[in-house]
Amino acid sequence: MITPKYLSKNNTIALAAPARRISINEILTAERWLTKCGFNVFYDDRLFCSENQFAGDDLLRISYFQDLLDNPEIRAIWCVRGGYGSARIIDRLQFDNFIKDPKWICGYSDVTVFHNHIQKNLNIATIHCTMPINVQDSEENSEPLRTFIAALTGKDLTYNILPHSLSKFNNFSGTLTGGNISVIYSLLGSPSDIDTDNKILLLEDLDEYLYHIDRMMLNIKRNGKLKNLKALLVGHLNDMHDNTIPFGKTAEEIIFEHCKEYNYPIIFNVPAGHLSDNRAFRFGCTTEGYFQNNIFTIKNSTK
């Protein structure tokens, strides 16, 4: 896996909206924070365009993101929010210059499209992390922001994981991949289909019916994405819905049911996803899990 250059002070971070639209007021706090951290921030008026729920039509979002990919002064692209829309533009982006001079693509949720596509097709690492839309209520020393800067500047990321009744703790080591369950499910069979063989898979999701979590996990399993893992990391699964007749299992229990036959570790309570404690992970980099002093620790390294 190719790792983009890590950032230092005065490097430029660009803000991009490949999916849902954003307003300038929703990114000002993040912009001020990045500037205070010593980085230059780039965006232009195209960031605030809109067409219905999107940040401009497909052609505009393609043009803007392409300019960011091709600009050698930009060392990281931080997607401002998720929603839906990245899959509509990914096949029309040209990554020739990006391959020659990789930069960090950062975000979560719908940004899973970029994580999966870039790792599978280009073999380049990306960062799963919080986004500017989430910075509004965050403190400057919050774990999501602190670990985002640590991920960008080349520091190891180490997290202690709380016990969970369904966790199957065991040591593991491998390359990390993953993202949002719904997006991974939607990419199956496409050029952006996730590669999980001998990988550590991180999953998270939000605002889904429990039966849909089951349907997605079943399809991911039937596509062979769960059988050859080094480990499964399960992040936040929040704001789930049920029908009048209950499905009968929590989202965590559904995931465990589809994976319990395999021998690899399954770790719940990983701090990633659609809650305030959304810490950074470098996808494509070596990640280890191990016991030390009765504490289970996950370490996401720089390579």
C-alpha atoms as a PDB file:
ATOM      1  CA  MET A   1       0.000   0.000   0.000  1.00  0.00           C
ATOM      2  CA  ILE A   2       1.254   3.467  -0.941  1.00  0.00           C
ATOM      3  CA  THR A   3       1.124   6.032   1.851  1.00  0.00           C
ATOM      4  CA  PRO A   4       0.752   9.716   0.863  1.00  0.00           C
ATOM      5  CA  LYS A   5       3.233  12.176   2.350  1.00  0.00           C
ATOM      6  CA  TYR A   6       2.386  13.225   5.868  1.00  0.00           C
ATOM      7  CA  LEU A   7       1.569  16.873   6.443  1.00  0.00           C
ATOM      8  CA  SER A   8       3.524  19.565   8.247  1.00  0.00           C
ATOM      9  CA  LYS A   9       2.719  23.139   9.207  1.00  0.00           C
ATOM     10  CA  ASN A  10       1.760  25.477   6.334  1.00  0.00           C
ATOM     11  CA  ASN A  11       0.682  22.587   4.097  1.00  0.00           C
ATOM     12  CA  THR A  12      -2.665  23.102   2.383  1.00  0.00           C
ATOM     13  CA  ILE A  13      -5.824  21.127   3.153  1.00  0.00           C
ATOM     14  CA  ALA A  14      -8.703  21.500   0.680  1.00  0.00           C
ATOM     15  CA  LEU A  15     -12.374  21.182   1.602  1.00  0.00           C
ATOM     16  CA  ALA A  16     -14.578  19.229  -0.813  1.00  0.00           C
ATOM     17  CA  ALA A  17     -18.271  18.345  -1.054  1.00  0.00           C
ATOM     18  CA  PRO A  18     -18.610  15.271  -3.296  1.00  0.00           C
ATOM     19  CA  ALA A  19     -22.096  14.492  -1.995  1.00  0.00           C
ATOM     20  CA  ARG A  20     -24.609  16.579  -0.041  1.00  0.00           C
ATOM     21  CA  ARG A  21     -24.606  20.372  -0.185  1.00  0.00           C
ATOM     22  CA  ILE A  22     -23.030  22.544   2.503  1.00  0.00           C
ATOM     23  CA  SER A  23     -23.261  26.197   3.554  1.00  0.00           C
ATOM     24  CA  ILE A  24     -20.351  28.437   4.432  1.00  0.00           C
ATOM     25  CA  ASN A  25     -21.552  28.754   8.028  1.00  0.00           C
ATOM     26  CA  GLU A  26     -21.282  24.996   8.421  1.00  0.00           C
ATOM     27  CA  ILE A  27     -17.561  24.925   7.641  1.00  0.00           C
ATOM     28  CA  LEU A  28     -16.295  28.113   9.311  1.00  0.00           C
ATOM     29  CA  THR A  29     -15.541  26.475  12.656  1.00  0.00           C
ATOM     30  CA  ALA A  30     -13.494  23.748  10.974  1.00  0.00           C
ATOM     31  CA  GLU A  31     -11.694  26.319   8.820  1.00  0.00           C
ATOM     32  CA  ARG A  32     -10.738  28.404  11.849  1.00  0.00           C
ATOM     33  CA  TRP A  33      -9.566  25.294  13.683  1.00  0.00           C
ATOM     34  CA  LEU A  34      -7.376  24.116  10.776  1.00  0.00           C
ATOM     35  CA  THR A  35      -5.848  27.584  10.512  1.00  0.00           C
ATOM     36  CA  LYS A  36      -5.144  27.606  14.243  1.00  0.00           C
ATOM     37  CA  CYS A  37      -3.415  24.227  13.815  1.00  0.00           C
ATOM     38  CA  GLY A  38      -1.054  25.855  11.325  1.00  0.00           C
ATOM     39  CA  PHE A  39      -2.484  24.664   8.000  1.00  0.00           C
ATOM     40  CA  ASN A  40      -3.594  26.607   4.961  1.00  0.00           C
ATOM     41  CA  VAL A  41      -7.197  25.975   3.913  1.00  0.00           C
ATOM     42  CA  PHE A  42      -8.379  25.975   0.307  1.00  0.00           C
ATOM     43  CA  TYR A  43     -11.864  26.047  -1.213  1.00  0.00           C
ATOM     44  CA  ASP A  44     -13.670  28.184  -3.758  1.00  0.00           C
ATOM     45  CA  ASP A  45     -17.258  29.189  -4.440  1.00  0.00           C
ATOM     46  CA  ARG A  46     -18.040  25.846  -6.063  1.00  0.00           C
ATOM     47  CA  LEU A  47     -18.008  24.272  -2.594  1.00  0.00           C
ATOM     48  CA  PHE A  48     -21.310  25.995  -1.798  1.00  0.00           C
ATOM     49  CA  CYS A  49     -23.211  25.270  -5.010  1.00  0.00           C
ATOM     50  CA  SER A  50     -26.405  23.265  -4.756  1.00  0.00           C
ATOM     51  CA  GLU A  51     -28.752  21.231  -6.895  1.00  0.00           C
ATOM     52  CA  ASN A  52     -31.515  19.792  -4.778  1.00  0.00           C
ATOM     53  CA  GLN A  53     -29.716  17.833  -2.036  1.00  0.00           C
ATOM     54  CA  PHE A  54     -26.362  17.754  -3.848  1.00  0.00           C
ATOM     55  CA  ALA A  55     -23.474  20.231  -3.679  1.00  0.00           C
ATOM     56  CA  GLY A  56     -24.059  21.169  -7.300  1.00  0.00           C
ATOM     57  CA  ASP A  57     -24.762  18.872 -10.232  1.00  0.00           C
ATOM     58  CA  ASP A  58     -22.534  15.892 -11.002  1.00  0.00           C
ATOM     59  CA  LEU A  59     -20.415  17.760 -13.556  1.00  0.00           C
ATOM     60  CA  LEU A  60     -19.676  20.598 -11.148  1.00  0.00           C
ATOM     61  CA  ARG A  61     -18.740  18.239  -8.311  1.00  0.00           C
ATOM     62  CA  ILE A  62     -16.524  16.257 -10.704  1.00  0.00           C
ATOM     63  CA  SER A  63     -14.799  19.431 -11.938  1.00  0.00           C
ATOM     64  CA  TYR A  64     -14.164  20.748  -8.438  1.00  0.00           C
ATOM     65  CA  PHE A  65     -12.882  17.454  -7.034  1.00  0.00           C
ATOM     66  CA  GLN A  66     -10.736  16.891 -10.126  1.00  0.00           C
ATOM     67  CA  ASP A  67      -9.093  20.283  -9.635  1.00  0.00           C
ATOM     68  CA  LEU A  68      -8.261  19.334  -6.043  1.00  0.00           C
ATOM     69  CA  LEU A  69      -6.797  15.988  -7.127  1.00  0.00           C
ATOM     70  CA  ASP A  70      -4.616  17.685  -9.755  1.00  0.00           C
ATOM     71  CA  ASN A  71      -3.413  20.634  -7.653  1.00  0.00           C
ATOM     72  CA  PRO A  72       0.129  19.816  -6.398  1.00  0.00           C
ATOM     73  CA  GLU A  73      -0.120  22.424  -3.613  1.00  0.00           C
ATOM     74  CA  ILE A  74      -2.971  20.548  -1.927  1.00  0.00           C
ATOM     75  CA  ARG A  75      -1.709  17.798   0.380  1.00  0.00           C
ATOM     76  CA  ALA A  76      -5.048  16.547   1.756  1.00  0.00           C
ATOM     77  CA  ILE A  77      -8.688  16.669   0.702  1.00  0.00           C
ATOM     78  CA  TRP A  78     -11.098  16.767   3.652  1.00  0.00           C
ATOM     79  CA  CYS A  79     -14.660  15.968   2.602  1.00  0.00           C
ATOM     80  CA  VAL A  80     -17.023  18.307   4.431  1.00  0.00           C
ATOM     81  CA  ARG A  81     -19.961  15.927   4.925  1.00  0.00           C
ATOM     82  CA  GLY A  82     -21.523  12.676   3.802  1.00  0.00           C
ATOM     83  CA  GLY A  83     -25.086  12.052   2.695  1.00  0.00           C
ATOM     84  CA  TYR A  84     -25.196  10.567  -0.790  1.00  0.00           C
ATOM     85  CA  GLY A  85     -23.507  11.401  -4.066  1.00  0.00           C
ATOM     86  CA  SER A  86     -19.877  10.231  -4.206  1.00  0.00           C
ATOM     87  CA  ALA A  87     -20.788   7.114  -6.190  1.00  0.00           C
ATOM     88  CA  ARG A  88     -22.284   9.341  -8.899  1.00  0.00           C
ATOM     89  CA  ILE A  89     -18.916  10.964  -9.644  1.00  0.00           C
ATOM     90  CA  ILE A  90     -16.219   8.388  -8.786  1.00  0.00           C
ATOM     91  CA  ASP A  91     -16.073   6.740 -12.244  1.00  0.00           C
ATOM     92  CA  ARG A  92     -15.588  10.056 -14.021  1.00  0.00           C
ATOM     93  CA  LEU A  93     -12.652  11.256 -11.943  1.00  0.00           C
ATOM     94  CA  GLN A  94      -9.160  10.929 -13.423  1.00  0.00           C
ATOM     95  CA  PHE A  95      -6.556   9.745 -10.908  1.00  0.00           C
ATOM     96  CA  ASP A  96      -3.435   9.939 -13.147  1.00  0.00           C
ATOM     97  CA  ASN A  97      -1.880  12.897 -11.313  1.00  0.00           C
ATOM     98  CA  PHE A  98      -3.084  11.589  -7.955  1.00  0.00           C
ATOM     99  CA  ILE A  99      -1.215   8.313  -8.538  1.00  0.00           C
ATOM    100  CA  LYS A 100       1.987  10.201  -9.309  1.00  0.00           C
ATOM    101  CA  ASP A 101       1.660  12.417  -6.232  1.00  0.00           C
ATOM    102  CA  PRO A 102      -0.844  10.931  -3.751  1.00  0.00           C
ATOM    103  CA  LYS A 103      -2.564  13.078  -1.150  1.00  0.00           C
ATOM    104  CA  TRP A 104      -4.767  12.119   1.773  1.00  0.00           C
ATOM    105  CA  ILE A 105      -8.499  11.713   1.095  1.00  0.00           C
ATOM    106  CA  CYS A 106     -10.311  12.137   4.408  1.00  0.00           C
ATOM    107  CA  GLY A 107     -13.820  11.544   5.740  1.00  0.00           C
ATOM    108  CA  TYR A 108     -16.355   8.840   6.568  1.00  0.00           C
ATOM    109  CA  SER A 109     -19.914   7.756   5.759  1.00  0.00           C
ATOM    110  CA  ASP A 110     -20.483   8.391   2.010  1.00  0.00           C
ATOM    111  CA  VAL A 111     -16.718   8.956   1.656  1.00  0.00           C
ATOM    112  CA  THR A 112     -16.508   5.154   1.967  1.00  0.00           C
ATOM    113  CA  VAL A 113     -16.859   5.249  -1.846  1.00  0.00           C
ATOM    114  CA  PHE A 114     -13.450   6.934  -2.086  1.00  0.00           C
ATOM    115  CA  HIS A 115     -11.865   4.719   0.572  1.00  0.00           C
ATOM    116  CA  ASN A 116     -12.884   1.495  -1.189  1.00  0.00           C
ATOM    117  CA  HIS A 117     -12.251   2.697  -4.752  1.00  0.00           C
ATOM    118  CA  ILE A 118      -8.820   4.182  -4.061  1.00  0.00           C
ATOM    119  CA  GLN A 119      -7.537   1.251  -2.021  1.00  0.00           C
ATOM    120  CA  LYS A 120      -8.745  -1.421  -4.421  1.00  0.00           C
ATOM    121  CA  ASN A 121      -7.761   0.257  -7.688  1.00  0.00           C
ATOM    122  CA  LEU A 122      -4.861   2.531  -6.742  1.00  0.00           C
ATOM    123  CA  ASN A 123      -3.376   0.844  -3.669  1.00  0.00           C
ATOM    124  CA  ILE A 124      -3.187   4.193  -1.820  1.00  0.00           C
ATOM    125  CA  ALA A 125      -4.005   4.765   1.856  1.00  0.00           C
ATOM    126  CA  THR A 126      -6.827   7.088   2.999  1.00  0.00           C
ATOM    127  CA  ILE A 127      -8.103   8.429   6.341  1.00  0.00           C
ATOM    128  CA  HIS A 128     -11.454   7.488   7.912  1.00  0.00           C
ATOM    129  CA  CYS A 129     -12.239  10.397  10.229  1.00  0.00           C
ATOM    130  CA  THR A 130     -14.625  13.098  11.362  1.00  0.00           C
ATOM    131  CA  MET A 131     -15.640  15.838   8.924  1.00  0.00           C
ATOM    132  CA  PRO A 132     -16.049  19.640   9.053  1.00  0.00           C
ATOM    133  CA  ILE A 133     -19.834  19.397   9.426  1.00  0.00           C
ATOM    134  CA  ASN A 134     -19.193  17.636  12.758  1.00  0.00           C
ATOM    135  CA  VAL A 135     -16.729  20.196  14.124  1.00  0.00           C
ATOM    136  CA  GLN A 136     -19.414  22.701  15.087  1.00  0.00           C
ATOM    137  CA  ASP A 137     -19.940  21.339  18.590  1.00  0.00           C
ATOM    138  CA  SER A 138     -16.515  19.795  19.103  1.00  0.00           C
ATOM    139  CA  GLU A 139     -13.839  21.132  21.393  1.00  0.00           C
ATOM    140  CA  GLU A 140     -10.414  21.734  19.954  1.00  0.00           C
ATOM    141  CA  ASN A 141      -8.871  19.019  22.115  1.00  0.00           C
ATOM    142  CA  SER A 142     -11.541  16.430  21.349  1.00  0.00           C
ATOM    143  CA  GLU A 143     -10.369  12.954  20.396  1.00  0.00           C
ATOM    144  CA  PRO A 144     -11.805  13.074  16.847  1.00  0.00           C
ATOM    145  CA  LEU A 145      -9.936  16.289  16.059  1.00  0.00           C
ATOM    146  CA  ARG A 146      -6.755  15.371  17.898  1.00  0.00           C
ATOM    147  CA  THR A 147      -6.538  11.995  16.163  1.00  0.00           C
ATOM    148  CA  PHE A 148      -7.348  13.504  12.761  1.00  0.00           C
ATOM    149  CA  ILE A 149      -4.301  15.763  13.047  1.00  0.00           C
ATOM    150  CA  ALA A 150      -2.250  12.830  14.352  1.00  0.00           C
ATOM    151  CA  ALA A 151      -3.313  10.752  11.345  1.00  0.00           C
ATOM    152  CA  LEU A 152      -2.409  13.537   8.908  1.00  0.00           C
ATOM    153  CA  THR A 153       0.974  14.278  10.469  1.00  0.00           C
ATOM    154  CA  GLY A 154       2.264  10.719  10.716  1.00  0.00           C
ATOM    155  CA  LYS A 155       1.730   9.679  14.319  1.00  0.00           C
ATOM    156  CA  ASP A 156       0.684   6.241  15.488  1.00  0.00           C
ATOM    157  CA  LEU A 157      -2.962   6.008  16.570  1.00  0.00           C
ATOM    158  CA  THR A 158      -3.566   3.915  19.696  1.00  0.00           C
ATOM    159  CA  TYR A 159      -6.998   3.227  21.180  1.00  0.00           C
ATOM    160  CA  ASN A 160      -8.057   1.225  24.226  1.00  0.00           C
ATOM    161  CA  ILE A 161     -11.299  -0.670  23.558  1.00  0.00           C
ATOM    162  CA  LEU A 162     -14.023  -1.132  26.151  1.00  0.00           C
ATOM    163  CA  PRO A 163     -15.325  -4.668  26.754  1.00  0.00           C
ATOM    164  CA  HIS A 164     -18.506  -5.815  24.987  1.00  0.00           C
ATOM    165  CA  SER A 165     -20.419  -9.008  25.662  1.00  0.00           C
ATOM    166  CA  LEU A 166     -20.150 -10.096  22.006  1.00  0.00           C
ATOM    167  CA  SER A 167     -16.487  -9.273  21.455  1.00  0.00           C
ATOM    168  CA  LYS A 168     -14.119 -12.123  20.588  1.00  0.00           C
ATOM    169  CA  PHE A 169     -10.806 -10.691  21.734  1.00  0.00           C
ATOM    170  CA  ASN A 170      -7.616 -12.077  20.268  1.00  0.00           C
ATOM    171  CA  ASN A 171      -4.410 -10.631  18.865  1.00  0.00           C
ATOM    172  CA  PHE A 172      -4.370  -9.643  15.200  1.00  0.00           C
ATOM    173  CA  SER A 173      -2.310  -7.744  12.656  1.00  0.00           C
ATOM    174  CA  GLY A 174      -3.085  -6.713   9.097  1.00  0.00           C
ATOM    175  CA  THR A 175      -4.151  -3.954   6.723  1.00  0.00           C
ATOM    176  CA  LEU A 176      -7.249  -1.962   7.675  1.00  0.00           C
ATOM    177  CA  THR A 177     -10.151  -1.292   5.313  1.00  0.00           C
ATOM    178  CA  GLY A 178     -13.906  -0.749   5.551  1.00  0.00           C
ATOM    179  CA  GLY A 179     -16.355   2.056   6.276  1.00  0.00           C
ATOM    180  CA  ASN A 180     -20.115   2.440   6.160  1.00  0.00           C
ATOM    181  CA  ILE A 181     -22.072  -0.820   5.801  1.00  0.00           C
ATOM    182  CA  SER A 182     -24.739   0.681   3.535  1.00  0.00           C
ATOM    183  CA  VAL A 183     -22.160   2.145   1.168  1.00  0.00           C
ATOM    184  CA  ILE A 184     -20.063  -1.045   1.088  1.00  0.00           C
ATOM    185  CA  TYR A 185     -23.261  -2.964   0.280  1.00  0.00           C
ATOM    186  CA  SER A 186     -24.127  -0.534  -2.529  1.00  0.00           C
ATOM    187  CA  LEU A 187     -20.682  -0.949  -4.142  1.00  0.00           C
ATOM    188  CA  LEU A 188     -20.682  -4.737  -4.338  1.00  0.00           C
ATOM    189  CA  GLY A 189     -19.901  -5.927  -7.871  1.00  0.00           C
ATOM    190  CA  SER A 190     -18.788  -2.485  -9.035  1.00  0.00           C
ATOM    191  CA  PRO A 191     -15.269  -1.225  -9.842  1.00  0.00           C
ATOM    192  CA  SER A 192     -15.279   0.203  -6.297  1.00  0.00           C
ATOM    193  CA  ASP A 193     -16.135  -3.137  -4.644  1.00  0.00           C
ATOM    194  CA  ILE A 194     -14.248  -3.565  -1.374  1.00  0.00           C
ATOM    195  CA  ASP A 195     -11.308  -5.983  -1.145  1.00  0.00           C
ATOM    196  CA  THR A 196     -11.395  -7.697   2.261  1.00  0.00           C
ATOM    197  CA  ASP A 197      -9.173 -10.751   1.710  1.00  0.00           C
ATOM    198  CA  ASN A 198      -6.681 -11.023   4.579  1.00  0.00           C
ATOM    199  CA  LYS A 199      -7.712  -7.533   5.736  1.00  0.00           C
ATOM    200  CA  ILE A 200      -9.058  -6.098   8.960  1.00  0.00           C
ATOM    201  CA  LEU A 201     -12.582  -4.849   8.252  1.00  0.00           C
ATOM    202  CA  LEU A 202     -14.074  -1.848  10.069  1.00  0.00           C
ATOM    203  CA  LEU A 203     -17.856  -1.410   9.879  1.00  0.00           C
ATOM    204  CA  GLU A 204     -20.214   1.346  11.078  1.00  0.00           C
ATOM    205  CA  ASP A 205     -23.680   2.613  10.180  1.00  0.00           C
ATOM    206  CA  LEU A 206     -26.526   4.964  11.078  1.00  0.00           C
ATOM    207  CA  ASP A 207     -30.282   5.316  10.733  1.00  0.00           C
ATOM    208  CA  GLU A 208     -31.099   1.921   9.239  1.00  0.00           C
ATOM    209  CA  TYR A 209     -33.876  -0.577   9.858  1.00  0.00           C
ATOM    210  CA  LEU A 210     -32.587  -3.662  11.649  1.00  0.00           C
ATOM    211  CA  TYR A 211     -33.865  -5.971   8.919  1.00  0.00           C
ATOM    212  CA  HIS A 212     -31.888  -3.901   6.410  1.00  0.00           C
ATOM    213  CA  ILE A 213     -28.708  -4.356   8.473  1.00  0.00           C
ATOM    214  CA  ASP A 214     -29.402  -8.103   8.282  1.00  0.00           C
ATOM    215  CA  ARG A 215     -30.032  -7.975   4.528  1.00  0.00           C
ATOM    216  CA  MET A 216     -26.839  -6.015   3.890  1.00  0.00           C
ATOM    217  CA  MET A 217     -24.664  -8.197   6.113  1.00  0.00           C
ATOM    218  CA  LEU A 218     -26.114 -11.317   4.497  1.00  0.00           C
ATOM    219  CA  ASN A 219     -25.293 -10.028   1.009  1.00  0.00           C
ATOM    220  CA  ILE A 220     -21.801  -8.931   2.058  1.00  0.00           C
ATOM    221  CA  LYS A 221     -21.301 -12.425   3.484  1.00  0.00           C
ATOM    222  CA  ARG A 222     -22.681 -14.176   0.381  1.00  0.00           C
ATOM    223  CA  ASN A 223     -20.212 -12.172  -1.697  1.00  0.00           C
ATOM    224  CA  GLY A 224     -17.392 -13.739   0.314  1.00  0.00           C
ATOM    225  CA  LYS A 225     -16.345 -10.524   2.048  1.00  0.00           C
ATOM    226  CA  LEU A 226     -16.475 -11.903   5.601  1.00  0.00           C
ATOM    227  CA  LYS A 227     -14.780 -15.295   5.380  1.00  0.00           C
ATOM    228  CA  ASN A 228     -11.104 -14.366   4.930  1.00  0.00           C
ATOM    229  CA  LEU A 229     -10.707 -11.507   7.418  1.00  0.00           C
ATOM    230  CA  LYS A 230      -7.839 -11.028   9.837  1.00  0.00           C
ATOM    231  CA  ALA A 231     -10.306  -9.341  12.226  1.00  0.00           C
ATOM    232  CA  LEU A 232     -13.631  -7.492  12.269  1.00  0.00           C
ATOM    233  CA  LEU A 233     -13.867  -4.119  14.014  1.00  0.00           C
ATOM    234  CA  VAL A 234     -17.375  -2.826  14.703  1.00  0.00           C
ATOM    235  CA  GLY A 235     -17.829   0.890  15.290  1.00  0.00           C
ATOM    236  CA  HIS A 236     -20.950   2.885  16.109  1.00  0.00           C
ATOM    237  CA  LEU A 237     -24.304   1.435  15.031  1.00  0.00           C
ATOM    238  CA  ASN A 238     -26.661   4.156  16.169  1.00  0.00           C
ATOM    239  CA  ASP A 239     -30.207   5.434  15.637  1.00  0.00           C
ATOM    240  CA  MET A 240     -31.460   2.091  14.327  1.00  0.00           C
ATOM    241  CA  HIS A 241     -35.143   1.492  13.567  1.00  0.00           C
ATOM    242  CA  ASP A 242     -37.444  -1.487  13.993  1.00  0.00           C
ATOM    243  CA  ASN A 243     -40.839  -2.514  12.646  1.00  0.00           C
ATOM    244  CA  THR A 244     -44.066  -2.950  14.610  1.00  0.00           C
ATOM    245  CA  ILE A 245     -43.232  -6.644  14.771  1.00  0.00           C
ATOM    246  CA  PRO A 246     -39.660  -6.526  16.158  1.00  0.00           C
ATOM    247  CA  PHE A 247     -36.785  -8.042  14.235  1.00  0.00           C
ATOM    248  CA  GLY A 248     -35.604  -9.570  17.493  1.00  0.00           C
ATOM    249  CA  LYS A 249     -31.894  -8.688  17.430  1.00  0.00           C
ATOM    250  CA  THR A 250     -29.800  -5.584  17.892  1.00  0.00           C
ATOM    251  CA  ALA A 251     -27.534  -4.401  15.075  1.00  0.00           C
ATOM    252  CA  GLU A 252     -24.550  -5.739  17.014  1.00  0.00           C
ATOM    253  CA  GLU A 253     -26.212  -9.138  17.412  1.00  0.00           C
ATOM    254  CA  ILE A 254     -27.018  -9.251  13.692  1.00  0.00           C
ATOM    255  CA  ILE A 255     -23.391  -8.631  12.748  1.00  0.00           C
ATOM    256  CA  PHE A 256     -22.150 -11.161  15.275  1.00  0.00           C
ATOM    257  CA  GLU A 257     -24.596 -13.787  13.981  1.00  0.00           C
ATOM    258  CA  HIS A 258     -23.209 -13.492  10.449  1.00  0.00           C
ATOM    259  CA  CYS A 259     -19.572 -13.691  11.583  1.00  0.00           C
ATOM    260  CA  LYS A 260     -19.515 -15.973  14.623  1.00  0.00           C
ATOM    261  CA  GLU A 261     -18.715 -19.089  12.574  1.00  0.00           C
ATOM    262  CA  TYR A 262     -15.332 -17.653  11.649  1.00  0.00           C
ATOM    263  CA  ASN A 263     -12.275 -17.862  13.883  1.00  0.00           C
ATOM    264  CA  TYR A 264     -11.058 -14.283  13.591  1.00  0.00           C
ATOM    265  CA  PRO A 265     -11.426 -11.692  16.395  1.00  0.00           C
ATOM    266  CA  ILE A 266     -14.613  -9.581  16.437  1.00  0.00           C
ATOM    267  CA  ILE A 267     -14.162  -6.328  18.331  1.00  0.00           C
ATOM    268  CA  PHE A 268     -17.141  -4.137  19.239  1.00  0.00           C
ATOM    269  CA  ASN A 269     -17.063  -0.640  20.796  1.00  0.00           C
ATOM    270  CA  VAL A 270     -14.529   0.684  18.279  1.00  0.00           C
ATOM    271  CA  PRO A 271     -14.692   4.531  18.372  1.00  0.00           C
ATOM    272  CA  ALA A 272     -15.595   5.189  14.738  1.00  0.00           C
ATOM    273  CA  GLY A 273     -18.798   6.216  13.008  1.00  0.00           C
ATOM    274  CA  HIS A 274     -21.800   8.505  13.397  1.00  0.00           C
ATOM    275  CA  LEU A 275     -21.359   9.557  17.018  1.00  0.00           C
ATOM    276  CA  SER A 276     -19.275  12.287  18.615  1.00  0.00           C
ATOM    277  CA  ASP A 277     -16.422   9.881  19.451  1.00  0.00           C
ATOM    278  CA  ASN A 278     -15.394   9.313  15.825  1.00  0.00           C
ATOM    279  CA  ARG A 279     -11.634   8.881  15.918  1.00  0.00           C
ATOM    280  CA  ALA A 280      -9.308   8.689  12.953  1.00  0.00           C
ATOM    281  CA  PHE A 281      -8.070   5.475  11.335  1.00  0.00           C
ATOM    282  CA  ARG A 282      -5.711   5.226   8.371  1.00  0.00           C
ATOM    283  CA  PHE A 283      -7.209   2.738   5.923  1.00  0.00           C
ATOM    284  CA  GLY A 284      -4.521   0.840   4.044  1.00  0.00           C
ATOM    285  CA  CYS A 285      -2.063   0.960   6.943  1.00  0.00           C
ATOM    286  CA  THR A 286      -1.016  -1.851   9.269  1.00  0.00           C
ATOM    287  CA  THR A 287      -3.286  -2.197  12.280  1.00  0.00           C
ATOM    288  CA  GLU A 288      -2.688  -4.396  15.317  1.00  0.00           C
ATOM    289  CA  GLY A 289      -4.830  -5.554  18.199  1.00  0.00           C
ATOM    290  CA  TYR A 290      -3.327  -6.953  21.386  1.00  0.00           C
ATOM    291  CA  PHE A 291      -3.802  -7.498  25.127  1.00  0.00           C
ATOM    292  CA  GLN A 292      -1.658  -5.613  27.599  1.00  0.00           C
ATOM    293  CA  ASN A 293      -2.363  -5.377  31.341  1.00  0.00           C
ATOM    294  CA  ASN A 294      -5.902  -6.726  30.820  1.00  0.00           C
ATOM    295  CA  ILE A 295      -6.672  -3.940  28.315  1.00  0.00           C
ATOM    296  CA  PHE A 296      -7.363  -4.560  24.634  1.00  0.00           C
ATOM    297  CA  THR A 297      -5.567  -2.036  22.459  1.00  0.00           C
ATOM    298  CA  ILE A 298      -5.808  -1.238  18.750  1.00  0.00           C
ATOM    299  CA  LYS A 299      -2.797   0.434  17.155  1.00  0.00           C
ATOM    300  CA  ASN A 300      -3.057   1.936  13.667  1.00  0.00           C
ATOM    301  CA  SER A 301       0.473   2.539  12.376  1.00  0.00           C
ATOM    302  CA  THR A 302       1.882   4.943   9.798  1.00  0.00           C
ATOM    303  CA  LYS A 303       2.637   2.320   7.106  1.00  0.00           C
END
